Amino acid sequence: MKSYRKELWFNIPTRRAFINITPQVNEALHESGIKEGFVLVNTSQSPSSL
């Protein structure tokens, strides 16, 4: 089984925001070379934003 991991960091100007990360996820998928399977996107808040 092949796996790939990449961390993406985003800075937003406000406390809350909606951003479309589809292009960055697609780019990471392309970099991985994986042709089929699942993509797991897990979010985490930094302690300073709570």
PDB file of N, CA and C in Angstrom:
ATOM      1  N   MET A   1       0.838  -1.170   0.000  1.00  0.00           N
ATOM      2  CA  MET A   1       0.000   0.000   0.000  1.00  0.00           C
ATOM      3  C   MET A   1       0.889   1.241   0.000  1.00  0.00           C
ATOM      4  N   LYS A   2       0.568   2.180  -0.853  1.00  0.00           N
ATOM      5  CA  LYS A   2       1.325   3.416  -0.965  1.00  0.00           C
ATOM      6  C   LYS A   2       0.632   4.509  -0.156  1.00  0.00           C
ATOM      7  N   SER A   3       1.404   5.356   0.500  1.00  0.00           N
ATOM      8  CA  SER A   3       0.823   6.481   1.241  1.00  0.00           C
ATOM      9  C   SER A   3       1.653   7.733   0.981  1.00  0.00           C
ATOM     10  N   TYR A   4       1.061   8.872   1.258  1.00  0.00           N
ATOM     11  CA  TYR A   4       1.707  10.163   1.031  1.00  0.00           C
ATOM     12  C   TYR A   4       1.153  11.133   2.062  1.00  0.00           C
ATOM     13  N   ARG A   5       2.012  11.972   2.596  1.00  0.00           N
ATOM     14  CA  ARG A   5       1.569  12.957   3.588  1.00  0.00           C
ATOM     15  C   ARG A   5       2.151  14.313   3.245  1.00  0.00           C
ATOM     16  N   LYS A   6       1.313  15.326   3.331  1.00  0.00           N
ATOM     17  CA  LYS A   6       1.766  16.692   3.102  1.00  0.00           C
ATOM     18  C   LYS A   6       0.978  17.621   4.011  1.00  0.00           C
ATOM     19  N   GLU A   7       1.686  18.528   4.688  1.00  0.00           N
ATOM     20  CA  GLU A   7       1.026  19.519   5.534  1.00  0.00           C
ATOM     21  C   GLU A   7       0.856  20.800   4.748  1.00  0.00           C
ATOM     22  N   LEU A   8      -0.336  21.352   4.806  1.00  0.00           N
ATOM     23  CA  LEU A   8      -0.630  22.628   4.167  1.00  0.00           C
ATOM     24  C   LEU A   8      -0.956  23.636   5.257  1.00  0.00           C
ATOM     25  N   TRP A   9      -0.369  24.807   5.166  1.00  0.00           N
ATOM     26  CA  TRP A   9      -0.593  25.856   6.152  1.00  0.00           C
ATOM     27  C   TRP A   9      -1.256  27.038   5.469  1.00  0.00           C
ATOM     28  N   PHE A  10      -2.243  27.625   6.135  1.00  0.00           N
ATOM     29  CA  PHE A  10      -2.972  28.766   5.596  1.00  0.00           C
ATOM     30  C   PHE A  10      -3.056  29.854   6.659  1.00  0.00           C
ATOM     31  N   ASN A  11      -2.767  31.062   6.255  1.00  0.00           N
ATOM     32  CA  ASN A  11      -2.943  32.215   7.133  1.00  0.00           C
ATOM     33  C   ASN A  11      -4.170  32.980   6.655  1.00  0.00           C
ATOM     34  N   ILE A  12      -5.090  33.199   7.574  1.00  0.00           N
ATOM     35  CA  ILE A  12      -6.298  33.940   7.221  1.00  0.00           C
ATOM     36  C   ILE A  12      -6.326  35.228   8.036  1.00  0.00           C
ATOM     37  N   PRO A  13      -6.882  36.305   7.472  1.00  0.00           N
ATOM     38  CA  PRO A  13      -6.832  37.600   8.147  1.00  0.00           C
ATOM     39  C   PRO A  13      -7.823  37.758   9.302  1.00  0.00           C
ATOM     40  N   THR A  14      -8.796  36.861   9.391  1.00  0.00           N
ATOM     41  CA  THR A  14      -9.808  36.967  10.443  1.00  0.00           C
ATOM     42  C   THR A  14      -9.810  35.718  11.300  1.00  0.00           C
ATOM     43  N   ARG A  15     -10.561  35.775  12.362  1.00  0.00           N
ATOM     44  CA  ARG A  15     -10.639  34.618  13.276  1.00  0.00           C
ATOM     45  C   ARG A  15     -11.269  33.406  12.603  1.00  0.00           C
ATOM     46  N   ARG A  16     -12.250  33.631  11.740  1.00  0.00           N
ATOM     47  CA  ARG A  16     -12.951  32.559  11.047  1.00  0.00           C
ATOM     48  C   ARG A  16     -13.036  32.882   9.570  1.00  0.00           C
ATOM     49  N   ALA A  17     -12.893  31.866   8.736  1.00  0.00           N
ATOM     50  CA  ALA A  17     -13.018  32.089   7.293  1.00  0.00           C
ATOM     51  C   ALA A  17     -13.247  30.759   6.595  1.00  0.00           C
ATOM     52  N   PHE A  18     -13.862  30.834   5.441  1.00  0.00           N
ATOM     53  CA  PHE A  18     -13.999  29.681   4.564  1.00  0.00           C
ATOM     54  C   PHE A  18     -13.040  29.885   3.405  1.00  0.00           C
ATOM     55  N   ILE A  19     -12.185  28.909   3.172  1.00  0.00           N
ATOM     56  CA  ILE A  19     -11.281  28.985   2.027  1.00  0.00           C
ATOM     57  C   ILE A  19     -11.382  27.679   1.243  1.00  0.00           C
ATOM     58  N   ASN A  20     -11.290  27.802  -0.055  1.00  0.00           N
ATOM     59  CA  ASN A  20     -11.344  26.636  -0.932  1.00  0.00           C
ATOM     60  C   ASN A  20      -9.925  26.086  -1.081  1.00  0.00           C
ATOM     61  N   ILE A  21      -9.680  24.907  -0.529  1.00  0.00           N
ATOM     62  CA  ILE A  21      -8.343  24.309  -0.600  1.00  0.00           C
ATOM     63  C   ILE A  21      -8.264  23.203  -1.657  1.00  0.00           C
ATOM     64  N   THR A  22      -9.300  23.093  -2.485  1.00  0.00           N
ATOM     65  CA  THR A  22      -9.330  22.054  -3.514  1.00  0.00           C
ATOM     66  C   THR A  22      -8.104  22.089  -4.421  1.00  0.00           C
ATOM     67  N   PRO A  23      -7.676  23.262  -4.915  1.00  0.00           N
ATOM     68  CA  PRO A  23      -6.488  23.273  -5.784  1.00  0.00           C
ATOM     69  C   PRO A  23      -5.223  22.750  -5.085  1.00  0.00           C
ATOM     70  N   GLN A  24      -5.036  23.094  -3.826  1.00  0.00           N
ATOM     71  CA  GLN A  24      -3.854  22.625  -3.091  1.00  0.00           C
ATOM     72  C   GLN A  24      -3.926  21.124  -2.827  1.00  0.00           C
ATOM     73  N   VAL A  25      -5.120  20.605  -2.550  1.00  0.00           N
ATOM     74  CA  VAL A  25      -5.285  19.163  -2.332  1.00  0.00           C
ATOM     75  C   VAL A  25      -5.041  18.414  -3.641  1.00  0.00           C
ATOM     76  N   ASN A  26      -5.571  18.937  -4.743  1.00  0.00           N
ATOM     77  CA  ASN A  26      -5.330  18.311  -6.054  1.00  0.00           C
ATOM     78  C   ASN A  26      -3.848  18.299  -6.404  1.00  0.00           C
ATOM     79  N   GLU A  27      -3.153  19.378  -6.096  1.00  0.00           N
ATOM     80  CA  GLU A  27      -1.709  19.445  -6.367  1.00  0.00           C
ATOM     81  C   GLU A  27      -0.949  18.405  -5.545  1.00  0.00           C
ATOM     82  N   ALA A  28      -1.306  18.274  -4.269  1.00  0.00           N
ATOM     83  CA  ALA A  28      -0.669  17.275  -3.414  1.00  0.00           C
ATOM     84  C   ALA A  28      -0.952  15.868  -3.927  1.00  0.00           C
ATOM     85  N   LEU A  29      -2.162  15.629  -4.381  1.00  0.00           N
ATOM     86  CA  LEU A  29      -2.515  14.329  -4.932  1.00  0.00           C
ATOM     87  C   LEU A  29      -1.688  14.027  -6.177  1.00  0.00           C
ATOM     88  N   HIS A  30      -1.522  15.026  -7.032  1.00  0.00           N
ATOM     89  CA  HIS A  30      -0.719  14.852  -8.240  1.00  0.00           C
ATOM     90  C   HIS A  30       0.749  14.568  -7.881  1.00  0.00           C
ATOM     91  N   GLU A  31       1.284  15.288  -6.894  1.00  0.00           N
ATOM     92  CA  GLU A  31       2.667  15.069  -6.437  1.00  0.00           C
ATOM     93  C   GLU A  31       2.872  13.658  -5.905  1.00  0.00           C
ATOM     94  N   SER A  32       1.834  13.095  -5.294  1.00  0.00           N
ATOM     95  CA  SER A  32       1.963  11.779  -4.662  1.00  0.00           C
ATOM     96  C   SER A  32       2.134  10.651  -5.673  1.00  0.00           C
ATOM     97  N   GLY A  33       1.569  10.837  -6.867  1.00  0.00           N
ATOM     98  CA  GLY A  33       1.632   9.775  -7.865  1.00  0.00           C
ATOM     99  C   GLY A  33       0.622   8.665  -7.626  1.00  0.00           C
ATOM    100  N   ILE A  34      -0.208   8.808  -6.620  1.00  0.00           N
ATOM    101  CA  ILE A  34      -1.223   7.795  -6.311  1.00  0.00           C
ATOM    102  C   ILE A  34      -2.383   7.955  -7.282  1.00  0.00           C
ATOM    103  N   LYS A  35      -2.798   6.858  -7.883  1.00  0.00           N
ATOM    104  CA  LYS A  35      -3.836   6.901  -8.921  1.00  0.00           C
ATOM    105  C   LYS A  35      -5.241   6.614  -8.410  1.00  0.00           C
ATOM    106  N   GLU A  36      -5.378   5.841  -7.350  1.00  0.00           N
ATOM    107  CA  GLU A  36      -6.712   5.561  -6.821  1.00  0.00           C
ATOM    108  C   GLU A  36      -6.634   5.350  -5.324  1.00  0.00           C
ATOM    109  N   GLY A  37      -7.740   5.614  -4.656  1.00  0.00           N
ATOM    110  CA  GLY A  37      -7.799   5.469  -3.211  1.00  0.00           C
ATOM    111  C   GLY A  37      -8.564   6.614  -2.581  1.00  0.00           C
ATOM    112  N   PHE A  38      -8.253   6.915  -1.350  1.00  0.00           N
ATOM    113  CA  PHE A  38      -8.936   7.954  -0.597  1.00  0.00           C
ATOM    114  C   PHE A  38      -7.974   9.073  -0.250  1.00  0.00           C
ATOM    115  N   VAL A  39      -8.531  10.264  -0.088  1.00  0.00           N
ATOM    116  CA  VAL A  39      -7.769  11.414   0.403  1.00  0.00           C
ATOM    117  C   VAL A  39      -8.378  11.818   1.731  1.00  0.00           C
ATOM    118  N   LEU A  40      -7.571  11.853   2.770  1.00  0.00           N
ATOM    119  CA  LEU A  40      -8.027  12.293   4.085  1.00  0.00           C
ATOM    120  C   LEU A  40      -7.494  13.695   4.331  1.00  0.00           C
ATOM    121  N   VAL A  41      -8.405  14.623   4.595  1.00  0.00           N
ATOM    122  CA  VAL A  41      -8.024  15.990   4.935  1.00  0.00           C
ATOM    123  C   VAL A  41      -8.421  16.213   6.383  1.00  0.00           C
ATOM    124  N   ASN A  42      -7.434  16.468   7.226  1.00  0.00           N
ATOM    125  CA  ASN A  42      -7.661  16.644   8.652  1.00  0.00           C
ATOM    126  C   ASN A  42      -7.269  18.065   9.020  1.00  0.00           C
ATOM    127  N   THR A  43      -8.148  18.765   9.727  1.00  0.00           N
ATOM    128  CA  THR A  43      -7.853  20.147  10.093  1.00  0.00           C
ATOM    129  C   THR A  43      -7.496  20.241  11.569  1.00  0.00           C
ATOM    130  N   SER A  44      -6.733  21.252  11.869  1.00  0.00           N
ATOM    131  CA  SER A  44      -6.319  21.489  13.253  1.00  0.00           C
ATOM    132  C   SER A  44      -6.278  22.997  13.466  1.00  0.00           C
ATOM    133  N   GLN A  45      -6.723  23.429  14.630  1.00  0.00           N
ATOM    134  CA  GLN A  45      -6.647  24.842  14.949  1.00  0.00           C
ATOM    135  C   GLN A  45      -5.385  25.090  15.763  1.00  0.00           C
ATOM    136  N   SER A  46      -4.749  26.208  15.493  1.00  0.00           N
ATOM    137  CA  SER A  46      -3.593  26.550  16.316  1.00  0.00           C
ATOM    138  C   SER A  46      -4.100  27.088  17.649  1.00  0.00           C
ATOM    139  N   PRO A  47      -3.356  26.882  18.713  1.00  0.00           N
ATOM    140  CA  PRO A  47      -3.798  27.347  20.041  1.00  0.00           C
ATOM    141  C   PRO A  47      -4.025  28.851  20.093  1.00  0.00           C
ATOM    142  N   SER A  48      -3.299  29.624  19.288  1.00  0.00           N
ATOM    143  CA  SER A  48      -3.463  31.068  19.339  1.00  0.00           C
ATOM    144  C   SER A  48      -4.780  31.529  18.739  1.00  0.00           C
ATOM    145  N   SER A  49      -5.463  30.655  17.969  1.00  0.00           N
ATOM    146  CA  SER A  49      -6.723  31.066  17.341  1.00  0.00           C
ATOM    147  C   SER A  49      -7.939  30.720  18.205  1.00  0.00           C
ATOM    148  N   LEU A  50      -7.732  30.082  19.347  1.00  0.00           N
ATOM    149  CA  LEU A  50      -8.879  29.681  20.188  1.00  0.00           C
ATOM    150  C   LEU A  50      -9.305  30.797  21.100  1.00  0.00           C
TER     151      LEU A  50
END
